[in-house]
Amino acid sequence: MYRIAKKFTFSASHQIKGLPETHKCARLHGHNYAVEVILESPELNAVGFIRDYAELDALQDYIKAKFDHRHLNDVVGDDFTTAENLARHFYDWCRAQWPETSAVRVSENINTWAEYNGD
C-alpha cells in the first residue's frame, strides 16, 4: 500500500460547549490548527503518484475560505468544534474530492491530534 500526506494550517477560535464552567476549554480560546490529509492506494498512476500533491491544495483553499481566522462555533456549530469532530468534517470533505483519502488528522497544538478514518 502506498501512502502520502500533506499538512495545512489555520488559526481559529472556539468554545467547547457542555463542559463545566471551570474547564479551560469551556472558555473562548484559540488554536493554531494543523490538518493533515492522508491518501492511500495499492497502485500508482502512470506518472508514479497516488495523486499529485498540488491537487491537495484545494483543501487549503477550502480551509482559508471557511475556517481561517474564524470562530468555529459559527462555522460548524456548537456541538462540532472538537478536534475529533473537525477531523470527521475534513475527512468527509476530502473523501468527496479524493476517493483515496484514508484519514485526516487535526492538531490543536504540537502535542495532540485527533484522527478520523471512516472505519
PDB file of N, CA and C in Angstrom:
ATOM      1  N   MET A   1       0.858  -1.181   0.000  1.00  0.00           N
ATOM      2  CA  MET A   1       0.000   0.000   0.000  1.00  0.00           C
ATOM      3  C   MET A   1       0.899   1.237   0.000  1.00  0.00           C
ATOM      4  N   TYR A   2       0.606   2.172  -0.876  1.00  0.00           N
ATOM      5  CA  TYR A   2       1.305   3.452  -0.914  1.00  0.00           C
ATOM      6  C   TYR A   2       0.513   4.452  -0.086  1.00  0.00           C
ATOM      7  N   ARG A   3       1.223   5.379   0.539  1.00  0.00           N
ATOM      8  CA  ARG A   3       0.564   6.383   1.366  1.00  0.00           C
ATOM      9  C   ARG A   3       1.278   7.723   1.188  1.00  0.00           C
ATOM     10  N   ILE A   4       0.492   8.789   1.012  1.00  0.00           N
ATOM     11  CA  ILE A   4       1.027  10.144   1.001  1.00  0.00           C
ATOM     12  C   ILE A   4       0.225  10.985   1.981  1.00  0.00           C
ATOM     13  N   ALA A   5       0.803  12.112   2.381  1.00  0.00           N
ATOM     14  CA  ALA A   5       0.107  13.028   3.290  1.00  0.00           C
ATOM     15  C   ALA A   5       0.556  14.450   2.996  1.00  0.00           C
ATOM     16  N   LYS A   6      -0.317  15.368   3.302  1.00  0.00           N
ATOM     17  CA  LYS A   6       0.017  16.790   3.194  1.00  0.00           C
ATOM     18  C   LYS A   6      -0.664  17.526   4.333  1.00  0.00           C
ATOM     19  N   LYS A   7       0.055  18.483   4.911  1.00  0.00           N
ATOM     20  CA  LYS A   7      -0.428  19.209   6.075  1.00  0.00           C
ATOM     21  C   LYS A   7      -0.709  20.660   5.719  1.00  0.00           C
ATOM     22  N   PHE A   8      -1.795  21.178   6.288  1.00  0.00           N
ATOM     23  CA  PHE A   8      -2.205  22.564   6.106  1.00  0.00           C
ATOM     24  C   PHE A   8      -2.489  23.160   7.472  1.00  0.00           C
ATOM     25  N   THR A   9      -2.388  24.468   7.593  1.00  0.00           N
ATOM     26  CA  THR A   9      -2.585  25.114   8.890  1.00  0.00           C
ATOM     27  C   THR A   9      -3.595  26.252   8.792  1.00  0.00           C
ATOM     28  N   PHE A  10      -4.194  26.546   9.946  1.00  0.00           N
ATOM     29  CA  PHE A  10      -5.073  27.708  10.070  1.00  0.00           C
ATOM     30  C   PHE A  10      -5.193  28.081  11.538  1.00  0.00           C
ATOM     31  N   SER A  11      -5.646  29.273  11.799  1.00  0.00           N
ATOM     32  CA  SER A  11      -5.874  29.759  13.151  1.00  0.00           C
ATOM     33  C   SER A  11      -7.359  30.050  13.316  1.00  0.00           C
ATOM     34  N   ALA A  12      -7.893  29.668  14.479  1.00  0.00           N
ATOM     35  CA  ALA A  12      -9.321  29.900  14.720  1.00  0.00           C
ATOM     36  C   ALA A  12      -9.596  29.832  16.215  1.00  0.00           C
ATOM     37  N   SER A  13     -10.738  30.388  16.606  1.00  0.00           N
ATOM     38  CA  SER A  13     -11.193  30.325  17.994  1.00  0.00           C
ATOM     39  C   SER A  13     -12.355  29.358  18.102  1.00  0.00           C
ATOM     40  N   HIS A  14     -12.613  28.924  19.329  1.00  0.00           N
ATOM     41  CA  HIS A  14     -13.797  28.102  19.603  1.00  0.00           C
ATOM     42  C   HIS A  14     -14.037  28.034  21.097  1.00  0.00           C
ATOM     43  N   GLN A  15     -15.197  27.516  21.448  1.00  0.00           N
ATOM     44  CA  GLN A  15     -15.568  27.165  22.815  1.00  0.00           C
ATOM     45  C   GLN A  15     -16.191  25.788  22.726  1.00  0.00           C
ATOM     46  N   ILE A  16     -15.811  24.912  23.643  1.00  0.00           N
ATOM     47  CA  ILE A  16     -16.417  23.585  23.658  1.00  0.00           C
ATOM     48  C   ILE A  16     -17.567  23.623  24.657  1.00  0.00           C
ATOM     49  N   LYS A  17     -18.763  23.483  24.138  1.00  0.00           N
ATOM     50  CA  LYS A  17     -19.974  23.536  24.968  1.00  0.00           C
ATOM     51  C   LYS A  17     -20.160  22.219  25.711  1.00  0.00           C
ATOM     52  N   GLY A  18     -20.831  22.266  26.844  1.00  0.00           N
ATOM     53  CA  GLY A  18     -21.133  21.068  27.616  1.00  0.00           C
ATOM     54  C   GLY A  18     -20.096  20.730  28.678  1.00  0.00           C
ATOM     55  N   LEU A  19     -19.036  21.482  28.736  1.00  0.00           N
ATOM     56  CA  LEU A  19     -18.017  21.264  29.765  1.00  0.00           C
ATOM     57  C   LEU A  19     -18.336  22.107  30.992  1.00  0.00           C
ATOM     58  N   PRO A  20     -17.820  21.720  32.164  1.00  0.00           N
ATOM     59  CA  PRO A  20     -18.008  22.574  33.351  1.00  0.00           C
ATOM     60  C   PRO A  20     -17.404  23.959  33.109  1.00  0.00           C
ATOM     61  N   GLU A  21     -18.013  24.963  33.692  1.00  0.00           N
ATOM     62  CA  GLU A  21     -17.522  26.337  33.515  1.00  0.00           C
ATOM     63  C   GLU A  21     -16.064  26.485  33.907  1.00  0.00           C
ATOM     64  N   THR A  22     -15.596  25.653  34.819  1.00  0.00           N
ATOM     65  CA  THR A  22     -14.214  25.739  35.293  1.00  0.00           C
ATOM     66  C   THR A  22     -13.208  25.098  34.336  1.00  0.00           C
ATOM     67  N   HIS A  23     -13.672  24.360  33.353  1.00  0.00           N
ATOM     68  CA  HIS A  23     -12.768  23.718  32.392  1.00  0.00           C
ATOM     69  C   HIS A  23     -12.226  24.773  31.432  1.00  0.00           C
ATOM     70  N   LYS A  24     -10.927  24.766  31.206  1.00  0.00           N
ATOM     71  CA  LYS A  24     -10.317  25.799  30.364  1.00  0.00           C
ATOM     72  C   LYS A  24     -10.875  25.819  28.936  1.00  0.00           C
ATOM     73  N   CYS A  25     -11.304  24.671  28.426  1.00  0.00           N
ATOM     74  CA  CYS A  25     -11.815  24.617  27.051  1.00  0.00           C
ATOM     75  C   CYS A  25     -13.260  25.104  26.932  1.00  0.00           C
ATOM     76  N   ALA A  26     -13.907  25.350  28.081  1.00  0.00           N
ATOM     77  CA  ALA A  26     -15.253  25.923  28.050  1.00  0.00           C
ATOM     78  C   ALA A  26     -15.195  27.418  27.766  1.00  0.00           C
ATOM     79  N   ARG A  27     -14.035  28.010  28.039  1.00  0.00           N
ATOM     80  CA  ARG A  27     -13.859  29.443  27.775  1.00  0.00           C
ATOM     81  C   ARG A  27     -13.494  29.662  26.304  1.00  0.00           C
ATOM     82  N   LEU A  28     -13.781  30.843  25.820  1.00  0.00           N
ATOM     83  CA  LEU A  28     -13.377  31.220  24.475  1.00  0.00           C
ATOM     84  C   LEU A  28     -11.857  31.188  24.396  1.00  0.00           C
ATOM     85  N   HIS A  29     -11.330  30.475  23.409  1.00  0.00           N
ATOM     86  CA  HIS A  29      -9.883  30.384  23.226  1.00  0.00           C
ATOM     87  C   HIS A  29      -9.599  30.021  21.774  1.00  0.00           C
ATOM     88  N   GLY A  30      -8.341  30.026  21.402  1.00  0.00           N
ATOM     89  CA  GLY A  30      -7.986  29.734  20.017  1.00  0.00           C
ATOM     90  C   GLY A  30      -6.812  28.786  19.904  1.00  0.00           C
ATOM     91  N   HIS A  31      -6.621  28.298  18.691  1.00  0.00           N
ATOM     92  CA  HIS A  31      -5.529  27.378  18.387  1.00  0.00           C
ATOM     93  C   HIS A  31      -4.948  27.716  17.023  1.00  0.00           C
ATOM     94  N   ASN A  32      -3.720  27.303  16.846  1.00  0.00           N
ATOM     95  CA  ASN A  32      -3.105  27.249  15.529  1.00  0.00           C
ATOM     96  C   ASN A  32      -3.194  25.792  15.097  1.00  0.00           C
ATOM     97  N   TYR A  33      -4.221  25.502  14.309  1.00  0.00           N
ATOM     98  CA  TYR A  33      -4.541  24.133  13.920  1.00  0.00           C
ATOM     99  C   TYR A  33      -3.643  23.652  12.780  1.00  0.00           C
ATOM    100  N   ALA A  34      -3.444  22.340  12.739  1.00  0.00           N
ATOM    101  CA  ALA A  34      -2.842  21.676  11.588  1.00  0.00           C
ATOM    102  C   ALA A  34      -3.807  20.584  11.145  1.00  0.00           C
ATOM    103  N   VAL A  35      -4.045  20.514   9.866  1.00  0.00           N
ATOM    104  CA  VAL A  35      -4.912  19.489   9.275  1.00  0.00           C
ATOM    105  C   VAL A  35      -4.053  18.696   8.297  1.00  0.00           C
ATOM    106  N   GLU A  36      -3.973  17.392   8.524  1.00  0.00           N
ATOM    107  CA  GLU A  36      -3.183  16.526   7.659  1.00  0.00           C
ATOM    108  C   GLU A  36      -4.105  15.533   6.969  1.00  0.00           C
ATOM    109  N   VAL A  37      -4.091  15.554   5.646  1.00  0.00           N
ATOM    110  CA  VAL A  37      -4.885  14.600   4.868  1.00  0.00           C
ATOM    111  C   VAL A  37      -3.948  13.483   4.414  1.00  0.00           C
ATOM    112  N   ILE A  38      -4.417  12.245   4.556  1.00  0.00           N
ATOM    113  CA  ILE A  38      -3.626  11.066   4.217  1.00  0.00           C
ATOM    114  C   ILE A  38      -4.374  10.287   3.133  1.00  0.00           C
ATOM    115  N   LEU A  39      -3.686   9.986   2.051  1.00  0.00           N
ATOM    116  CA  LEU A  39      -4.251   9.214   0.951  1.00  0.00           C
ATOM    117  C   LEU A  39      -3.489   7.901   0.814  1.00  0.00           C
ATOM    118  N   GLU A  40      -4.209   6.839   0.474  1.00  0.00           N
ATOM    119  CA  GLU A  40      -3.605   5.526   0.284  1.00  0.00           C
ATOM    120  C   GLU A  40      -4.106   4.902  -1.010  1.00  0.00           C
ATOM    121  N   SER A  41      -3.233   4.109  -1.626  1.00  0.00           N
ATOM    122  CA  SER A  41      -3.633   3.368  -2.812  1.00  0.00           C
ATOM    123  C   SER A  41      -2.687   2.183  -3.002  1.00  0.00           C
ATOM    124  N   PRO A  42      -3.218   1.058  -3.462  1.00  0.00           N
ATOM    125  CA  PRO A  42      -2.350  -0.076  -3.742  1.00  0.00           C
ATOM    126  C   PRO A  42      -1.578   0.098  -5.058  1.00  0.00           C
ATOM    127  N   GLU A  43      -2.002   1.078  -5.867  1.00  0.00           N
ATOM    128  CA  GLU A  43      -1.388   1.298  -7.175  1.00  0.00           C
ATOM    129  C   GLU A  43      -1.064   2.772  -7.368  1.00  0.00           C
ATOM    130  N   LEU A  44      -0.122   3.037  -8.256  1.00  0.00           N
ATOM    131  CA  LEU A  44       0.242   4.396  -8.628  1.00  0.00           C
ATOM    132  C   LEU A  44      -0.250   4.676 -10.044  1.00  0.00           C
ATOM    133  N   ASN A  45      -0.425   5.958 -10.355  1.00  0.00           N
ATOM    134  CA  ASN A  45      -0.848   6.312 -11.712  1.00  0.00           C
ATOM    135  C   ASN A  45       0.345   6.199 -12.668  1.00  0.00           C
ATOM    136  N   ALA A  46       0.148   6.546 -13.914  1.00  0.00           N
ATOM    137  CA  ALA A  46       1.182   6.389 -14.938  1.00  0.00           C
ATOM    138  C   ALA A  46       2.437   7.217 -14.641  1.00  0.00           C
ATOM    139  N   VAL A  47       2.271   8.302 -13.891  1.00  0.00           N
ATOM    140  CA  VAL A  47       3.401   9.160 -13.550  1.00  0.00           C
ATOM    141  C   VAL A  47       4.158   8.630 -12.328  1.00  0.00           C
ATOM    142  N   GLY A  48       3.484   7.800 -11.524  1.00  0.00           N
ATOM    143  CA  GLY A  48       4.092   7.282 -10.306  1.00  0.00           C
ATOM    144  C   GLY A  48       3.569   7.933  -9.048  1.00  0.00           C
ATOM    145  N   PHE A  49       2.412   8.565  -9.123  1.00  0.00           N
ATOM    146  CA  PHE A  49       1.776   9.233  -7.987  1.00  0.00           C
ATOM    147  C   PHE A  49       0.538   8.461  -7.538  1.00  0.00           C
ATOM    148  N   ILE A  50       0.198   8.597  -6.263  1.00  0.00           N
ATOM    149  CA  ILE A  50      -1.175   8.309  -5.840  1.00  0.00           C
ATOM    150  C   ILE A  50      -2.043   9.432  -6.375  1.00  0.00           C
ATOM    151  N   ARG A  51      -1.581  10.640  -6.101  1.00  0.00           N
ATOM    152  CA  ARG A  51      -2.217  11.860  -6.578  1.00  0.00           C
ATOM    153  C   ARG A  51      -1.162  12.953  -6.472  1.00  0.00           C
ATOM    154  N   ASP A  52      -1.168  13.889  -7.382  1.00  0.00           N
ATOM    155  CA  ASP A  52      -0.219  14.999  -7.352  1.00  0.00           C
ATOM    156  C   ASP A  52      -0.463  15.826  -6.093  1.00  0.00           C
ATOM    157  N   TYR A  53       0.583  16.092  -5.321  1.00  0.00           N
ATOM    158  CA  TYR A  53       0.443  16.906  -4.105  1.00  0.00           C
ATOM    159  C   TYR A  53      -0.239  18.243  -4.385  1.00  0.00           C
ATOM    160  N   ALA A  54      -0.002  18.806  -5.554  1.00  0.00           N
ATOM    161  CA  ALA A  54      -0.591  20.107  -5.887  1.00  0.00           C
ATOM    162  C   ALA A  54      -2.115  20.052  -5.901  1.00  0.00           C
ATOM    163  N   GLU A  55      -2.695  18.902  -6.234  1.00  0.00           N
ATOM    164  CA  GLU A  55      -4.151  18.771  -6.222  1.00  0.00           C
ATOM    165  C   GLU A  55      -4.714  18.956  -4.816  1.00  0.00           C
ATOM    166  N   LEU A  56      -3.921  18.586  -3.819  1.00  0.00           N
ATOM    167  CA  LEU A  56      -4.388  18.654  -2.439  1.00  0.00           C
ATOM    168  C   LEU A  56      -4.482  20.092  -1.920  1.00  0.00           C
ATOM    169  N   ASP A  57      -3.927  21.032  -2.663  1.00  0.00           N
ATOM    170  CA  ASP A  57      -4.030  22.437  -2.271  1.00  0.00           C
ATOM    171  C   ASP A  57      -5.474  22.929  -2.247  1.00  0.00           C
ATOM    172  N   ALA A  58      -6.372  22.208  -2.875  1.00  0.00           N
ATOM    173  CA  ALA A  58      -7.796  22.562  -2.806  1.00  0.00           C
ATOM    174  C   ALA A  58      -8.280  22.541  -1.354  1.00  0.00           C
ATOM    175  N   LEU A  59      -7.687  21.671  -0.534  1.00  0.00           N
ATOM    176  CA  LEU A  59      -8.051  21.651   0.884  1.00  0.00           C
ATOM    177  C   LEU A  59      -7.625  22.947   1.556  1.00  0.00           C
ATOM    178  N   GLN A  60      -6.437  23.450   1.241  1.00  0.00           N
ATOM    179  CA  GLN A  60      -6.003  24.724   1.810  1.00  0.00           C
ATOM    180  C   GLN A  60      -6.927  25.855   1.395  1.00  0.00           C
ATOM    181  N   ASP A  61      -7.360  25.850   0.155  1.00  0.00           N
ATOM    182  CA  ASP A  61      -8.295  26.876  -0.315  1.00  0.00           C
ATOM    183  C   ASP A  61      -9.601  26.821   0.479  1.00  0.00           C
ATOM    184  N   TYR A  62     -10.107  25.614   0.697  1.00  0.00           N
ATOM    185  CA  TYR A  62     -11.336  25.427   1.476  1.00  0.00           C
ATOM    186  C   TYR A  62     -11.146  25.902   2.914  1.00  0.00           C
ATOM    187  N   ILE A  63     -10.029  25.532   3.515  1.00  0.00           N
ATOM    188  CA  ILE A  63      -9.744  25.939   4.898  1.00  0.00           C
ATOM    189  C   ILE A  63      -9.653  27.451   5.000  1.00  0.00           C
ATOM    190  N   LYS A  64      -8.917  28.072   4.099  1.00  0.00           N
ATOM    191  CA  LYS A  64      -8.757  29.532   4.155  1.00  0.00           C
ATOM    192  C   LYS A  64     -10.091  30.249   3.963  1.00  0.00           C
ATOM    193  N   ALA A  65     -10.912  29.739   3.071  1.00  0.00           N
ATOM    194  CA  ALA A  65     -12.185  30.393   2.784  1.00  0.00           C
ATOM    195  C   ALA A  65     -13.191  30.246   3.917  1.00  0.00           C
ATOM    196  N   LYS A  66     -13.195  29.102   4.607  1.00  0.00           N
ATOM    197  CA  LYS A  66     -14.255  28.833   5.567  1.00  0.00           C
ATOM    198  C   LYS A  66     -13.816  28.836   7.033  1.00  0.00           C
ATOM    199  N   PHE A  67     -12.555  28.510   7.319  1.00  0.00           N
ATOM    200  CA  PHE A  67     -12.133  28.287   8.701  1.00  0.00           C
ATOM    201  C   PHE A  67     -11.095  29.265   9.240  1.00  0.00           C
ATOM    202  N   ASP A  68     -10.181  29.727   8.422  1.00  0.00           N
ATOM    203  CA  ASP A  68      -9.055  30.517   8.905  1.00  0.00           C
ATOM    204  C   ASP A  68      -9.495  31.842   9.521  1.00  0.00           C
ATOM    205  N   HIS A  69      -9.026  32.096  10.731  1.00  0.00           N
ATOM    206  CA  HIS A  69      -9.329  33.309  11.489  1.00  0.00           C
ATOM    207  C   HIS A  69     -10.837  33.524  11.662  1.00  0.00           C
ATOM    208  N   ARG A  70     -11.513  32.433  11.973  1.00  0.00           N
ATOM    209  CA  ARG A  70     -12.951  32.480  12.244  1.00  0.00           C
ATOM    210  C   ARG A  70     -13.234  31.830  13.590  1.00  0.00           C
ATOM    211  N   HIS A  71     -14.458  32.014  14.051  1.00  0.00           N
ATOM    212  CA  HIS A  71     -14.925  31.373  15.283  1.00  0.00           C
ATOM    213  C   HIS A  71     -15.622  30.078  14.866  1.00  0.00           C
ATOM    214  N   LEU A  72     -15.041  28.934  15.209  1.00  0.00           N
ATOM    215  CA  LEU A  72     -15.522  27.651  14.713  1.00  0.00           C
ATOM    216  C   LEU A  72     -16.954  27.340  15.124  1.00  0.00           C
ATOM    217  N   ASN A  73     -17.399  27.830  16.260  1.00  0.00           N
ATOM    218  CA  ASN A  73     -18.785  27.612  16.670  1.00  0.00           C
ATOM    219  C   ASN A  73     -19.746  28.192  15.635  1.00  0.00           C
ATOM    220  N   ASP A  74     -19.354  29.296  15.006  1.00  0.00           N
ATOM    221  CA  ASP A  74     -20.181  29.903  13.960  1.00  0.00           C
ATOM    222  C   ASP A  74     -20.077  29.142  12.641  1.00  0.00           C
ATOM    223  N   VAL A  75     -18.976  28.451  12.416  1.00  0.00           N
ATOM    224  CA  VAL A  75     -18.743  27.754  11.149  1.00  0.00           C
ATOM    225  C   VAL A  75     -19.374  26.365  11.145  1.00  0.00           C
ATOM    226  N   VAL A  76     -19.101  25.567  12.189  1.00  0.00           N
ATOM    227  CA  VAL A  76     -19.557  24.168  12.196  1.00  0.00           C
ATOM    228  C   VAL A  76     -20.613  23.882  13.255  1.00  0.00           C
ATOM    229  N   GLY A  77     -20.929  24.862  14.077  1.00  0.00           N
ATOM    230  CA  GLY A  77     -21.937  24.672  15.124  1.00  0.00           C
ATOM    231  C   GLY A  77     -21.314  24.332  16.460  1.00  0.00           C
ATOM    232  N   ASP A  78     -22.038  24.632  17.528  1.00  0.00           N
ATOM    233  CA  ASP A  78     -21.526  24.476  18.885  1.00  0.00           C
ATOM    234  C   ASP A  78     -21.147  23.042  19.247  1.00  0.00           C
ATOM    235  N   ASP A  79     -21.783  22.062  18.631  1.00  0.00           N
ATOM    236  CA  ASP A  79     -21.546  20.670  19.011  1.00  0.00           C
ATOM    237  C   ASP A  79     -20.413  20.004  18.234  1.00  0.00           C
ATOM    238  N   PHE A  80     -19.745  20.746  17.358  1.00  0.00           N
ATOM    239  CA  PHE A  80     -18.792  20.101  16.450  1.00  0.00           C
ATOM    240  C   PHE A  80     -17.422  20.760  16.416  1.00  0.00           C
ATOM    241  N   THR A  81     -17.016  21.435  17.476  1.00  0.00           N
ATOM    242  CA  THR A  81     -15.754  22.174  17.430  1.00  0.00           C
ATOM    243  C   THR A  81     -14.566  21.417  18.014  1.00  0.00           C
ATOM    244  N   THR A  82     -14.768  20.184  18.474  1.00  0.00           N
ATOM    245  CA  THR A  82     -13.634  19.413  18.992  1.00  0.00           C
ATOM    246  C   THR A  82     -12.742  18.977  17.826  1.00  0.00           C
ATOM    247  N   ALA A  83     -11.507  18.648  18.131  1.00  0.00           N
ATOM    248  CA  ALA A  83     -10.586  18.162  17.104  1.00  0.00           C
ATOM    249  C   ALA A  83     -11.126  16.897  16.446  1.00  0.00           C
ATOM    250  N   GLU A  84     -11.773  16.047  17.235  1.00  0.00           N
ATOM    251  CA  GLU A  84     -12.343  14.812  16.692  1.00  0.00           C
ATOM    252  C   GLU A  84     -13.405  15.111  15.641  1.00  0.00           C
ATOM    253  N   ASN A  85     -14.301  16.036  15.955  1.00  0.00           N
ATOM    254  CA  ASN A  85     -15.361  16.381  15.005  1.00  0.00           C
ATOM    255  C   ASN A  85     -14.822  17.126  13.789  1.00  0.00           C
ATOM    256  N   LEU A  86     -13.813  17.954  13.994  1.00  0.00           N
ATOM    257  CA  LEU A  86     -13.197  18.630  12.852  1.00  0.00           C
ATOM    258  C   LEU A  86     -12.512  17.621  11.937  1.00  0.00           C
ATOM    259  N   ALA A  87     -11.869  16.608  12.522  1.00  0.00           N
ATOM    260  CA  ALA A  87     -11.235  15.562  11.701  1.00  0.00           C
ATOM    261  C   ALA A  87     -12.280  14.865  10.838  1.00  0.00           C
ATOM    262  N   ARG A  88     -13.440  14.579  11.401  1.00  0.00           N
ATOM    263  CA  ARG A  88     -14.526  13.946  10.639  1.00  0.00           C
ATOM    264  C   ARG A  88     -15.009  14.869   9.536  1.00  0.00           C
ATOM    265  N   HIS A  89     -15.174  16.137   9.843  1.00  0.00           N
ATOM    266  CA  HIS A  89     -15.627  17.107   8.848  1.00  0.00           C
ATOM    267  C   HIS A  89     -14.654  17.165   7.663  1.00  0.00           C
ATOM    268  N   PHE A  90     -13.367  17.312   7.966  1.00  0.00           N
ATOM    269  CA  PHE A  90     -12.380  17.416   6.893  1.00  0.00           C
ATOM    270  C   PHE A  90     -12.231  16.090   6.139  1.00  0.00           C
ATOM    271  N   TYR A  91     -12.362  14.974   6.832  1.00  0.00           N
ATOM    272  CA  TYR A  91     -12.325  13.675   6.164  1.00  0.00           C
ATOM    273  C   TYR A  91     -13.450  13.577   5.138  1.00  0.00           C
ATOM    274  N   ASP A  92     -14.661  13.919   5.537  1.00  0.00           N
ATOM    275  CA  ASP A  92     -15.806  13.851   4.619  1.00  0.00           C
ATOM    276  C   ASP A  92     -15.588  14.745   3.398  1.00  0.00           C
ATOM    277  N   TRP A  93     -15.063  15.948   3.635  1.00  0.00           N
ATOM    278  CA  TRP A  93     -14.812  16.874   2.535  1.00  0.00           C
ATOM    279  C   TRP A  93     -13.739  16.307   1.605  1.00  0.00           C
ATOM    280  N   CYS A  94     -12.654  15.818   2.181  1.00  0.00           N
ATOM    281  CA  CYS A  94     -11.553  15.284   1.374  1.00  0.00           C
ATOM    282  C   CYS A  94     -11.962  14.028   0.612  1.00  0.00           C
ATOM    283  N   ARG A  95     -12.676  13.156   1.262  1.00  0.00           N
ATOM    284  CA  ARG A  95     -13.100  11.904   0.628  1.00  0.00           C
ATOM    285  C   ARG A  95     -13.978  12.178  -0.594  1.00  0.00           C
ATOM    286  N   ALA A  96     -14.796  13.238  -0.517  1.00  0.00           N
ATOM    287  CA  ALA A  96     -15.625  13.614  -1.666  1.00  0.00           C
ATOM    288  C   ALA A  96     -14.771  14.117  -2.833  1.00  0.00           C
ATOM    289  N   GLN A  97     -13.609  14.688  -2.523  1.00  0.00           N
ATOM    290  CA  GLN A  97     -12.706  15.195  -3.565  1.00  0.00           C
ATOM    291  C   GLN A  97     -11.788  14.097  -4.105  1.00  0.00           C
ATOM    292  N   TRP A  98     -11.270  13.294  -3.169  1.00  0.00           N
ATOM    293  CA  TRP A  98     -10.237  12.310  -3.486  1.00  0.00           C
ATOM    294  C   TRP A  98     -10.606  10.981  -2.836  1.00  0.00           C
ATOM    295  N   PRO A  99     -11.107  10.030  -3.597  1.00  0.00           N
ATOM    296  CA  PRO A  99     -11.537   8.749  -3.034  1.00  0.00           C
ATOM    297  C   PRO A  99     -10.421   7.987  -2.315  1.00  0.00           C
ATOM    298  N   GLU A 100      -9.168   8.325  -2.597  1.00  0.00           N
ATOM    299  CA  GLU A 100      -8.041   7.660  -1.941  1.00  0.00           C
ATOM    300  C   GLU A 100      -7.826   8.134  -0.505  1.00  0.00           C
ATOM    301  N   THR A 101      -8.597   9.127  -0.061  1.00  0.00           N
ATOM    302  CA  THR A 101      -8.449   9.627   1.306  1.00  0.00           C
ATOM    303  C   THR A 101      -8.694   8.497   2.287  1.00  0.00           C
ATOM    304  N   SER A 102      -7.705   8.261   3.151  1.00  0.00           N
ATOM    305  CA  SER A 102      -7.842   7.186   4.142  1.00  0.00           C
ATOM    306  C   SER A 102      -7.995   7.711   5.557  1.00  0.00           C
ATOM    307  N   ALA A 103      -7.541   8.929   5.807  1.00  0.00           N
ATOM    308  CA  ALA A 103      -7.659   9.502   7.148  1.00  0.00           C
ATOM    309  C   ALA A 103      -7.363  10.991   7.095  1.00  0.00           C
ATOM    310  N   VAL A 104      -7.842  11.684   8.121  1.00  0.00           N
ATOM    311  CA  VAL A 104      -7.493  13.088   8.333  1.00  0.00           C
ATOM    312  C   VAL A 104      -7.170  13.255   9.808  1.00  0.00           C
ATOM    313  N   ARG A 105      -6.080  13.958  10.073  1.00  0.00           N
ATOM    314  CA  ARG A 105      -5.681  14.293  11.438  1.00  0.00           C
ATOM    315  C   ARG A 105      -5.820  15.790  11.647  1.00  0.00           C
ATOM    316  N   VAL A 106      -6.291  16.160  12.825  1.00  0.00           N
ATOM    317  CA  VAL A 106      -6.385  17.565  13.211  1.00  0.00           C
ATOM    318  C   VAL A 106      -5.628  17.746  14.519  1.00  0.00           C
ATOM    319  N   SER A 107      -4.701  18.691  14.521  1.00  0.00           N
ATOM    320  CA  SER A 107      -3.928  19.018  15.718  1.00  0.00           C
ATOM    321  C   SER A 107      -4.269  20.423  16.166  1.00  0.00           C
ATOM    322  N   GLU A 108      -4.446  20.573  17.475  1.00  0.00           N
ATOM    323  CA  GLU A 108      -4.647  21.899  18.062  1.00  0.00           C
ATOM    324  C   GLU A 108      -3.331  22.490  18.532  1.00  0.00           C
ATOM    325  N   ASN A 109      -2.346  21.635  18.716  1.00  0.00           N
ATOM    326  CA  ASN A 109      -1.005  22.062  19.118  1.00  0.00           C
ATOM    327  C   ASN A 109      -0.031  20.960  18.731  1.00  0.00           C
ATOM    328  N   ILE A 110       1.237  21.140  19.016  1.00  0.00           N
ATOM    329  CA  ILE A 110       2.235  20.171  18.564  1.00  0.00           C
ATOM    330  C   ILE A 110       2.202  18.862  19.337  1.00  0.00           C
ATOM    331  N   ASN A 111       1.482  18.811  20.445  1.00  0.00           N
ATOM    332  CA  ASN A 111       1.487  17.628  21.298  1.00  0.00           C
ATOM    333  C   ASN A 111       0.278  16.713  21.152  1.00  0.00           C
ATOM    334  N   THR A 112      -0.773  17.170  20.482  1.00  0.00           N
ATOM    335  CA  THR A 112      -2.001  16.378  20.420  1.00  0.00           C
ATOM    336  C   THR A 112      -2.565  16.353  19.010  1.00  0.00           C
ATOM    337  N   TRP A 113      -3.282  15.293  18.698  1.00  0.00           N
ATOM    338  CA  TRP A 113      -4.012  15.219  17.435  1.00  0.00           C
ATOM    339  C   TRP A 113      -5.162  14.243  17.574  1.00  0.00           C
ATOM    340  N   ALA A 114      -6.155  14.449  16.718  1.00  0.00           N
ATOM    341  CA  ALA A 114      -7.287  13.530  16.603  1.00  0.00           C
ATOM    342  C   ALA A 114      -7.336  13.086  15.157  1.00  0.00           C
ATOM    343  N   GLU A 115      -7.720  11.828  14.951  1.00  0.00           N
ATOM    344  CA  GLU A 115      -7.774  11.279  13.600  1.00  0.00           C
ATOM    345  C   GLU A 115      -9.122  10.630  13.347  1.00  0.00           C
ATOM    346  N   TYR A 116      -9.620  10.830  12.129  1.00  0.00           N
ATOM    347  CA  TYR A 116     -10.816  10.130  11.683  1.00  0.00           C
ATOM    348  C   TYR A 116     -10.463   9.405  10.391  1.00  0.00           C
ATOM    349  N   ASN A 117     -10.847   8.104  10.302  1.00  0.00           N
ATOM    350  CA  ASN A 117     -10.501   7.340   9.111  1.00  0.00           C
ATOM    351  C   ASN A 117     -11.686   6.668   8.441  1.00  0.00           C
ATOM    352  N   GLY A 118     -12.893   6.945   8.873  1.00  0.00           N
ATOM    353  CA  GLY A 118     -14.062   6.417   8.197  1.00  0.00           C
ATOM    354  C   GLY A 118     -14.456   5.005   8.540  1.00  0.00           C
ATOM    355  N   ASP A 119     -13.660   4.323   9.352  1.00  0.00           N
ATOM    356  CA  ASP A 119     -13.994   2.940   9.730  1.00  0.00           C
ATOM    357  C   ASP A 119     -14.936   2.887  10.906  1.00  0.00           C
TER     358      ASP A 119
END
